[in-house]
């Protein structure tokens, strides 16, 4: 058996002792999920952001923010469809 490197590893092993193999399996799956989905995603956040931006590109517009917002509002059209729902 491999020697643990930290007190935290030892604590996890101690907590798992005495549990059934099924319970240990469940905890191992939960630990793996946390490691992959939460911890790994934080480490890869910068890479994920870069990948997202490479697909979407950057917003390029010569107009000021106020001009862009005004254009968005003026392009909106009202509809009578929602009046029937409300």
PDB file of N, CA and C in Angstrom:
ATOM      1  N   UNK A   1       0.844  -1.185   0.000  1.00  0.00           N
ATOM      2  CA  UNK A   1       0.000   0.000   0.000  1.00  0.00           C
ATOM      3  C   UNK A   1       0.887   1.246   0.000  1.00  0.00           C
ATOM      4  N   UNK A   2       0.470   2.237  -0.768  1.00  0.00           N
ATOM      5  CA  UNK A   2       1.242   3.473  -0.898  1.00  0.00           C
ATOM      6  C   UNK A   2       1.087   4.331   0.357  1.00  0.00           C
ATOM      7  N   UNK A   3       2.175   4.921   0.795  1.00  0.00           N
ATOM      8  CA  UNK A   3       2.150   5.786   1.969  1.00  0.00           C
ATOM      9  C   UNK A   3       1.474   7.106   1.600  1.00  0.00           C
ATOM     10  N   UNK A   4       0.603   7.590   2.485  1.00  0.00           N
ATOM     11  CA  UNK A   4      -0.071   8.866   2.221  1.00  0.00           C
ATOM     12  C   UNK A   4       0.919  10.008   2.379  1.00  0.00           C
ATOM     13  N   UNK A   5       0.613  11.109   1.691  1.00  0.00           N
ATOM     14  CA  UNK A   5       1.529  12.239   1.693  1.00  0.00           C
ATOM     15  C   UNK A   5       1.117  13.328   2.679  1.00  0.00           C
ATOM     16  N   UNK A   6      -0.166  13.430   2.987  1.00  0.00           N
ATOM     17  CA  UNK A   6      -0.626  14.504   3.872  1.00  0.00           C
ATOM     18  C   UNK A   6      -1.558  13.948   4.940  1.00  0.00           C
ATOM     19  N   UNK A   7      -1.808  14.761   5.948  1.00  0.00           N
ATOM     20  CA  UNK A   7      -2.770  14.401   6.997  1.00  0.00           C
ATOM     21  C   UNK A   7      -4.178  14.288   6.424  1.00  0.00           C
ATOM     22  N   UNK A   8      -4.481  15.099   5.413  1.00  0.00           N
ATOM     23  CA  UNK A   8      -5.811  15.058   4.802  1.00  0.00           C
ATOM     24  C   UNK A   8      -6.068  13.714   4.137  1.00  0.00           C
ATOM     25  N   UNK A   9      -5.059  13.200   3.444  1.00  0.00           N
ATOM     26  CA  UNK A   9      -5.198  11.881   2.832  1.00  0.00           C
ATOM     27  C   UNK A   9      -5.423  10.820   3.902  1.00  0.00           C
ATOM     28  N   UNK A  10      -4.689  10.918   4.976  1.00  0.00           N
ATOM     29  CA  UNK A  10      -4.846   9.948   6.061  1.00  0.00           C
ATOM     30  C   UNK A  10      -6.235  10.049   6.667  1.00  0.00           C
ATOM     31  N   UNK A  11      -6.744  11.260   6.825  1.00  0.00           N
ATOM     32  CA  UNK A  11      -8.088  11.451   7.379  1.00  0.00           C
ATOM     33  C   UNK A  11      -9.148  10.809   6.483  1.00  0.00           C
ATOM     34  N   UNK A  12      -9.006  10.962   5.183  1.00  0.00           N
ATOM     35  CA  UNK A  12      -9.957  10.349   4.249  1.00  0.00           C
ATOM     36  C   UNK A  12      -9.906   8.838   4.367  1.00  0.00           C
ATOM     37  N   UNK A  13      -8.707   8.294   4.403  1.00  0.00           N
ATOM     38  CA  UNK A  13      -8.569   6.843   4.547  1.00  0.00           C
ATOM     39  C   UNK A  13      -9.162   6.356   5.860  1.00  0.00           C
ATOM     40  N   UNK A  14      -8.912   7.081   6.940  1.00  0.00           N
ATOM     41  CA  UNK A  14      -9.469   6.704   8.241  1.00  0.00           C
ATOM     42  C   UNK A  14     -10.999   6.738   8.215  1.00  0.00           C
ATOM     43  N   UNK A  15     -11.554   7.762   7.569  1.00  0.00           N
ATOM     44  CA  UNK A  15     -13.013   7.879   7.482  1.00  0.00           C
ATOM     45  C   UNK A  15     -13.628   6.741   6.684  1.00  0.00           C
ATOM     46  N   UNK A  16     -12.896   6.213   5.720  1.00  0.00           N
ATOM     47  CA  UNK A  16     -13.424   5.130   4.892  1.00  0.00           C
ATOM     48  C   UNK A  16     -13.299   3.767   5.562  1.00  0.00           C
ATOM     49  N   UNK A  17     -12.392   3.651   6.518  1.00  0.00           N
ATOM     50  CA  UNK A  17     -12.212   2.362   7.189  1.00  0.00           C
ATOM     51  C   UNK A  17     -13.479   1.985   7.935  1.00  0.00           C
ATOM     52  N   UNK A  18     -13.809   0.720   7.857  1.00  0.00           N
ATOM     53  CA  UNK A  18     -14.982   0.218   8.562  1.00  0.00           C
ATOM     54  C   UNK A  18     -16.260   0.309   7.743  1.00  0.00           C
ATOM     55  N   UNK A  19     -16.203   1.031   6.619  1.00  0.00           N
ATOM     56  CA  UNK A  19     -17.374   1.109   5.749  1.00  0.00           C
ATOM     57  C   UNK A  19     -17.387  -0.104   4.835  1.00  0.00           C
ATOM     58  N   UNK A  20     -18.562  -0.457   4.383  1.00  0.00           N
ATOM     59  CA  UNK A  20     -18.667  -1.578   3.453  1.00  0.00           C
ATOM     60  C   UNK A  20     -18.028  -1.191   2.117  1.00  0.00           C
ATOM     61  N   UNK A  21     -17.745  -2.198   1.311  1.00  0.00           N
ATOM     62  CA  UNK A  21     -17.145  -1.929   0.000  1.00  0.00           C
ATOM     63  C   UNK A  21     -18.083  -1.071  -0.848  1.00  0.00           C
ATOM     64  N   UNK A  22     -19.371  -1.309  -0.721  1.00  0.00           N
ATOM     65  CA  UNK A  22     -20.353  -0.515  -1.476  1.00  0.00           C
ATOM     66  C   UNK A  22     -20.317   0.944  -1.030  1.00  0.00           C
ATOM     67  N   UNK A  23     -20.248   1.180   0.262  1.00  0.00           N
ATOM     68  CA  UNK A  23     -20.175   2.554   0.772  1.00  0.00           C
ATOM     69  C   UNK A  23     -18.869   3.224   0.354  1.00  0.00           C
ATOM     70  N   UNK A  24     -17.784   2.471   0.396  1.00  0.00           N
ATOM     71  CA  UNK A  24     -16.508   3.020  -0.056  1.00  0.00           C
ATOM     72  C   UNK A  24     -16.565   3.363  -1.537  1.00  0.00           C
ATOM     73  N   UNK A  25     -17.202   2.506  -2.318  1.00  0.00           N
ATOM     74  CA  UNK A  25     -17.338   2.754  -3.751  1.00  0.00           C
ATOM     75  C   UNK A  25     -18.133   4.036  -4.002  1.00  0.00           C
ATOM     76  N   UNK A  26     -19.212   4.206  -3.241  1.00  0.00           N
ATOM     77  CA  UNK A  26     -20.034   5.420  -3.386  1.00  0.00           C
ATOM     78  C   UNK A  26     -19.226   6.663  -3.045  1.00  0.00           C
ATOM     79  N   UNK A  27     -18.492   6.607  -1.941  1.00  0.00           N
ATOM     80  CA  UNK A  27     -17.665   7.756  -1.558  1.00  0.00           C
ATOM     81  C   UNK A  27     -16.574   8.033  -2.585  1.00  0.00           C
ATOM     82  N   UNK A  28     -15.989   6.982  -3.133  1.00  0.00           N
ATOM     83  CA  UNK A  28     -14.957   7.159  -4.154  1.00  0.00           C
ATOM     84  C   UNK A  28     -15.533   7.836  -5.385  1.00  0.00           C
ATOM     85  N   UNK A  29     -16.755   7.464  -5.767  1.00  0.00           N
ATOM     86  CA  UNK A  29     -17.410   8.096  -6.922  1.00  0.00           C
ATOM     87  C   UNK A  29     -17.697   9.563  -6.649  1.00  0.00           C
ATOM     88  N   UNK A  30     -18.157   9.861  -5.432  1.00  0.00           N
ATOM     89  CA  UNK A  30     -18.427  11.255  -5.061  1.00  0.00           C
ATOM     90  C   UNK A  30     -17.132  12.064  -5.075  1.00  0.00           C
ATOM     91  N   UNK A  31     -16.081  11.499  -4.504  1.00  0.00           N
ATOM     92  CA  UNK A  31     -14.790  12.181  -4.496  1.00  0.00           C
ATOM     93  C   UNK A  31     -14.320  12.445  -5.925  1.00  0.00           C
ATOM     94  N   UNK A  32     -14.450  11.437  -6.790  1.00  0.00           N
ATOM     95  CA  UNK A  32     -14.035  11.584  -8.193  1.00  0.00           C
ATOM     96  C   UNK A  32     -14.855  12.684  -8.877  1.00  0.00           C
ATOM     97  N   UNK A  33     -16.162  12.719  -8.633  1.00  0.00           N
ATOM     98  CA  UNK A  33     -17.017  13.744  -9.212  1.00  0.00           C
ATOM     99  C   UNK A  33     -16.580  15.131  -8.767  1.00  0.00           C
ATOM    100  N   UNK A  34     -16.358  15.290  -7.477  1.00  0.00           N
ATOM    101  CA  UNK A  34     -15.912  16.588  -6.951  1.00  0.00           C
ATOM    102  C   UNK A  34     -14.584  16.982  -7.582  1.00  0.00           C
ATOM    103  N   UNK A  35     -13.676  16.047  -7.646  1.00  0.00           N
ATOM    104  CA  UNK A  35     -12.351  16.331  -8.201  1.00  0.00           C
ATOM    105  C   UNK A  35     -12.439  16.749  -9.666  1.00  0.00           C
ATOM    106  N   UNK A  36     -13.220  16.027 -10.450  1.00  0.00           N
ATOM    107  CA  UNK A  36     -13.307  16.299 -11.880  1.00  0.00           C
ATOM    108  C   UNK A  36     -14.141  17.534 -12.207  1.00  0.00           C
ATOM    109  N   UNK A  37     -15.288  17.667 -11.563  1.00  0.00           N
ATOM    110  CA  UNK A  37     -16.235  18.716 -11.937  1.00  0.00           C
ATOM    111  C   UNK A  37     -16.012  20.045 -11.236  1.00  0.00           C
ATOM    112  N   UNK A  38     -15.480  20.019 -10.045  1.00  0.00           N
ATOM    113  CA  UNK A  38     -15.316  21.268  -9.299  1.00  0.00           C
ATOM    114  C   UNK A  38     -13.868  21.718  -9.288  1.00  0.00           C
ATOM    115  N   UNK A  39     -12.998  20.866  -8.824  1.00  0.00           N
ATOM    116  CA  UNK A  39     -11.593  21.259  -8.690  1.00  0.00           C
ATOM    117  C   UNK A  39     -10.950  21.422 -10.056  1.00  0.00           C
ATOM    118  N   UNK A  40     -11.113  20.445 -10.934  1.00  0.00           N
ATOM    119  CA  UNK A  40     -10.499  20.518 -12.263  1.00  0.00           C
ATOM    120  C   UNK A  40     -11.074  21.669 -13.068  1.00  0.00           C
ATOM    121  N   UNK A  41     -12.371  21.941 -12.919  1.00  0.00           N
ATOM    122  CA  UNK A  41     -12.969  23.023 -13.701  1.00  0.00           C
ATOM    123  C   UNK A  41     -12.421  24.379 -13.279  1.00  0.00           C
ATOM    124  N   UNK A  42     -12.100  24.542 -12.007  1.00  0.00           N
ATOM    125  CA  UNK A  42     -11.491  25.801 -11.557  1.00  0.00           C
ATOM    126  C   UNK A  42     -10.111  25.976 -12.174  1.00  0.00           C
ATOM    127  N   UNK A  43      -9.375  24.890 -12.253  1.00  0.00           N
ATOM    128  CA  UNK A  43      -8.034  24.965 -12.817  1.00  0.00           C
ATOM    129  C   UNK A  43      -8.080  25.270 -14.309  1.00  0.00           C
ATOM    130  N   UNK A  44      -9.117  24.791 -14.981  1.00  0.00           N
ATOM    131  CA  UNK A  44      -9.220  24.965 -16.429  1.00  0.00           C
ATOM    132  C   UNK A  44     -10.071  26.161 -16.828  1.00  0.00           C
ATOM    133  N   UNK A  45     -10.481  26.988 -15.875  1.00  0.00           N
ATOM    134  CA  UNK A  45     -11.379  28.100 -16.163  1.00  0.00           C
ATOM    135  C   UNK A  45     -10.811  29.027 -17.229  1.00  0.00           C
ATOM    136  N   UNK A  46      -9.539  29.346 -17.135  1.00  0.00           N
ATOM    137  CA  UNK A  46      -8.923  30.236 -18.115  1.00  0.00           C
ATOM    138  C   UNK A  46      -8.956  29.598 -19.502  1.00  0.00           C
ATOM    139  N   UNK A  47      -8.626  28.313 -19.579  1.00  0.00           N
ATOM    140  CA  UNK A  47      -8.640  27.613 -20.862  1.00  0.00           C
ATOM    141  C   UNK A  47     -10.054  27.549 -21.429  1.00  0.00           C
ATOM    142  N   UNK A  48     -11.035  27.285 -20.580  1.00  0.00           N
ATOM    143  CA  UNK A  48     -12.427  27.219 -21.024  1.00  0.00           C
ATOM    144  C   UNK A  48     -12.871  28.575 -21.559  1.00  0.00           C
ATOM    145  N   UNK A  49     -12.507  29.640 -20.860  1.00  0.00           N
ATOM    146  CA  UNK A  49     -12.854  30.985 -21.304  1.00  0.00           C
ATOM    147  C   UNK A  49     -12.231  31.284 -22.659  1.00  0.00           C
ATOM    148  N   UNK A  50     -10.977  30.926 -22.830  1.00  0.00           N
ATOM    149  CA  UNK A  50     -10.302  31.160 -24.106  1.00  0.00           C
ATOM    150  C   UNK A  50     -10.957  30.378 -25.236  1.00  0.00           C
ATOM    151  N   UNK A  51     -11.337  29.126 -24.966  1.00  0.00           N
ATOM    152  CA  UNK A  51     -12.017  28.320 -25.980  1.00  0.00           C
ATOM    153  C   UNK A  51     -13.362  28.937 -26.347  1.00  0.00           C
ATOM    154  N   UNK A  52     -14.107  29.381 -25.348  1.00  0.00           N
ATOM    155  CA  UNK A  52     -15.400  30.007 -25.596  1.00  0.00           C
ATOM    156  C   UNK A  52     -15.238  31.252 -26.463  1.00  0.00           C
ATOM    157  N   UNK A  53     -14.288  32.098 -26.103  1.00  0.00           N
ATOM    158  CA  UNK A  53     -14.080  33.330 -26.864  1.00  0.00           C
ATOM    159  C   UNK A  53     -13.595  33.045 -28.277  1.00  0.00           C
ATOM    160  N   UNK A  54     -12.845  31.976 -28.470  1.00  0.00           N
ATOM    161  CA  UNK A  54     -12.373  31.652 -29.818  1.00  0.00           C
ATOM    162  C   UNK A  54     -13.528  31.239 -30.719  1.00  0.00           C
ATOM    163  N   UNK A  55     -14.569  30.669 -30.138  1.00  0.00           N
ATOM    164  CA  UNK A  55     -15.739  30.278 -30.925  1.00  0.00           C
ATOM    165  C   UNK A  55     -16.617  31.490 -31.203  1.00  0.00           C
ATOM    166  N   UNK A  56     -16.795  32.316 -30.192  1.00  0.00           N
ATOM    167  CA  UNK A  56     -17.710  33.453 -30.302  1.00  0.00           C
ATOM    168  C   UNK A  56     -17.072  34.665 -30.962  1.00  0.00           C
ATOM    169  N   UNK A  57     -15.798  34.818 -30.800  1.00  0.00           N
ATOM    170  CA  UNK A  57     -15.150  36.020 -31.300  1.00  0.00           C
ATOM    171  C   UNK A  57     -15.369  37.181 -30.346  1.00  0.00           C
ATOM    172  N   UNK A  58     -14.879  38.318 -30.707  1.00  0.00           N
ATOM    173  CA  UNK A  58     -15.046  39.500 -29.869  1.00  0.00           C
ATOM    174  C   UNK A  58     -16.013  40.458 -30.540  1.00  0.00           C
ATOM    175  N   UNK A  59     -16.636  41.264 -29.735  1.00  0.00           N
ATOM    176  CA  UNK A  59     -17.606  42.227 -30.233  1.00  0.00           C
ATOM    177  C   UNK A  59     -16.856  43.423 -30.793  1.00  0.00           C
ATOM    178  N   UNK A  60     -17.153  43.746 -32.046  1.00  0.00           N
ATOM    179  CA  UNK A  60     -16.519  44.899 -32.674  1.00  0.00           C
ATOM    180  C   UNK A  60     -17.606  45.828 -33.184  1.00  0.00           C
ATOM    181  N   UNK A  61     -17.575  47.048 -32.707  1.00  0.00           N
ATOM    182  CA  UNK A  61     -18.551  48.042 -33.129  1.00  0.00           C
ATOM    183  C   UNK A  61     -17.931  49.408 -32.904  1.00  0.00           C
ATOM    184  N   UNK A  62     -18.071  50.253 -33.884  1.00  0.00           N
ATOM    185  CA  UNK A  62     -17.480  51.598 -33.800  1.00  0.00           C
ATOM    186  C   UNK A  62     -18.360  52.548 -32.995  1.00  0.00           C
ATOM    187  N   UNK A  63     -19.617  52.154 -32.775  1.00  0.00           N
ATOM    188  CA  UNK A  63     -20.548  53.032 -32.068  1.00  0.00           C
ATOM    189  C   UNK A  63     -20.258  53.027 -30.564  1.00  0.00           C
ATOM    190  N   UNK A  64     -20.678  54.096 -29.894  1.00  0.00           N
ATOM    191  CA  UNK A  64     -20.536  54.149 -28.434  1.00  0.00           C
ATOM    192  C   UNK A  64     -21.525  53.168 -27.809  1.00  0.00           C
ATOM    193  N   UNK A  65     -21.339  52.911 -26.543  1.00  0.00           N
ATOM    194  CA  UNK A  65     -22.241  52.004 -25.837  1.00  0.00           C
ATOM    195  C   UNK A  65     -23.665  52.546 -25.866  1.00  0.00           C
ATOM    196  N   UNK A  66     -23.816  53.833 -25.631  1.00  0.00           N
ATOM    197  CA  UNK A  66     -25.150  54.442 -25.648  1.00  0.00           C
ATOM    198  C   UNK A  66     -25.811  54.284 -27.015  1.00  0.00           C
ATOM    199  N   UNK A  67     -25.028  54.438 -28.079  1.00  0.00           N
ATOM    200  CA  UNK A  67     -25.578  54.268 -29.425  1.00  0.00           C
ATOM    201  C   UNK A  67     -25.986  52.822 -29.679  1.00  0.00           C
ATOM    202  N   UNK A  68     -25.199  51.885 -29.200  1.00  0.00           N
ATOM    203  CA  UNK A  68     -25.529  50.468 -29.371  1.00  0.00           C
ATOM    204  C   UNK A  68     -26.808  50.113 -28.619  1.00  0.00           C
ATOM    205  N   UNK A  69     -26.917  50.588 -27.364  1.00  0.00           N
ATOM    206  CA  UNK A  69     -28.107  50.305 -26.562  1.00  0.00           C
ATOM    207  C   UNK A  69     -29.334  50.920 -27.222  1.00  0.00           C
ATOM    208  N   UNK A  70     -29.210  52.124 -27.689  1.00  0.00           N
ATOM    209  CA  UNK A  70     -30.317  52.793 -28.368  1.00  0.00           C
ATOM    210  C   UNK A  70     -30.749  52.015 -29.607  1.00  0.00           C
ATOM    211  N   UNK A  71     -29.792  51.503 -30.355  1.00  0.00           N
ATOM    212  CA  UNK A  71     -30.115  50.720 -31.552  1.00  0.00           C
ATOM    213  C   UNK A  71     -30.843  49.429 -31.185  1.00  0.00           C
ATOM    214  N   UNK A  72     -30.438  48.802 -30.106  1.00  0.00           N
ATOM    215  CA  UNK A  72     -31.102  47.566 -29.657  1.00  0.00           C
ATOM    216  C   UNK A  72     -32.554  47.855 -29.288  1.00  0.00           C
ATOM    217  N   UNK A  73     -32.775  48.911 -28.501  1.00  0.00           N
ATOM    218  CA  UNK A  73     -34.143  49.242 -28.107  1.00  0.00           C
ATOM    219  C   UNK A  73     -34.997  49.638 -29.305  1.00  0.00           C
ATOM    220  N   UNK A  74     -34.447  50.381 -30.231  1.00  0.00           N
ATOM    221  CA  UNK A  74     -35.239  50.811 -31.386  1.00  0.00           C
ATOM    222  C   UNK A  74     -35.561  49.656 -32.325  1.00  0.00           C
ATOM    223  N   UNK A  75     -34.756  48.593 -32.287  1.00  0.00           N
ATOM    224  CA  UNK A  75     -35.007  47.437 -33.149  1.00  0.00           C
ATOM    225  C   UNK A  75     -36.064  46.502 -32.569  1.00  0.00           C
ATOM    226  N   UNK A  76     -36.408  46.674 -31.308  1.00  0.00           N
ATOM    227  CA  UNK A  76     -37.413  45.813 -30.675  1.00  0.00           C
ATOM    228  C   UNK A  76     -38.789  46.124 -31.248  1.00  0.00           C
ATOM    229  N   UNK A  77     -39.580  45.097 -31.353  1.00  0.00           N
ATOM    230  CA  UNK A  77     -40.941  45.257 -31.831  1.00  0.00           C
ATOM    231  C   UNK A  77     -41.884  44.725 -30.762  1.00  0.00           C
ATOM    232  N   UNK A  78     -42.962  45.433 -30.541  1.00  0.00           N
ATOM    233  CA  UNK A  78     -43.929  44.937 -29.570  1.00  0.00           C
ATOM    234  C   UNK A  78     -44.826  43.909 -30.250  1.00  0.00           C
ATOM    235  N   UNK A  79     -45.400  43.066 -29.445  1.00  0.00           N
ATOM    236  CA  UNK A  79     -46.252  42.013 -29.983  1.00  0.00           C
ATOM    237  C   UNK A  79     -47.499  41.887 -29.126  1.00  0.00           C
ATOM    238  N   UNK A  80     -48.562  41.440 -29.715  1.00  0.00           N
ATOM    239  CA  UNK A  80     -49.814  41.269 -29.004  1.00  0.00           C
ATOM    240  C   UNK A  80     -49.925  39.849 -28.443  1.00  0.00           C
ATOM    241  N   UNK A  81     -48.984  38.974 -28.765  1.00  0.00           N
ATOM    242  CA  UNK A  81     -49.072  37.573 -28.339  1.00  0.00           C
ATOM    243  C   UNK A  81     -49.079  37.436 -26.816  1.00  0.00           C
ATOM    244  N   UNK A  82     -48.307  38.239 -26.130  1.00  0.00           N
ATOM    245  CA  UNK A  82     -48.217  38.103 -24.681  1.00  0.00           C
ATOM    246  C   UNK A  82     -49.458  38.630 -23.964  1.00  0.00           C
ATOM    247  N   UNK A  83     -50.208  39.506 -24.592  1.00  0.00           N
ATOM    248  CA  UNK A  83     -51.397  40.046 -23.949  1.00  0.00           C
ATOM    249  C   UNK A  83     -52.431  38.949 -23.678  1.00  0.00           C
ATOM    250  N   UNK A  84     -52.507  37.949 -24.542  1.00  0.00           N
ATOM    251  CA  UNK A  84     -53.451  36.859 -24.354  1.00  0.00           C
ATOM    252  C   UNK A  84     -53.081  36.005 -23.142  1.00  0.00           C
ATOM    253  N   UNK A  85     -51.788  35.868 -22.895  1.00  0.00           N
ATOM    254  CA  UNK A  85     -51.320  35.064 -21.764  1.00  0.00           C
ATOM    255  C   UNK A  85     -51.594  35.774 -20.445  1.00  0.00           C
ATOM    256  N   UNK A  86     -51.331  37.059 -20.424  1.00  0.00           N
ATOM    257  CA  UNK A  86     -51.492  37.835 -19.185  1.00  0.00           C
ATOM    258  C   UNK A  86     -52.926  38.246 -19.030  1.00  0.00           C
TER     259      UNK A  86
END
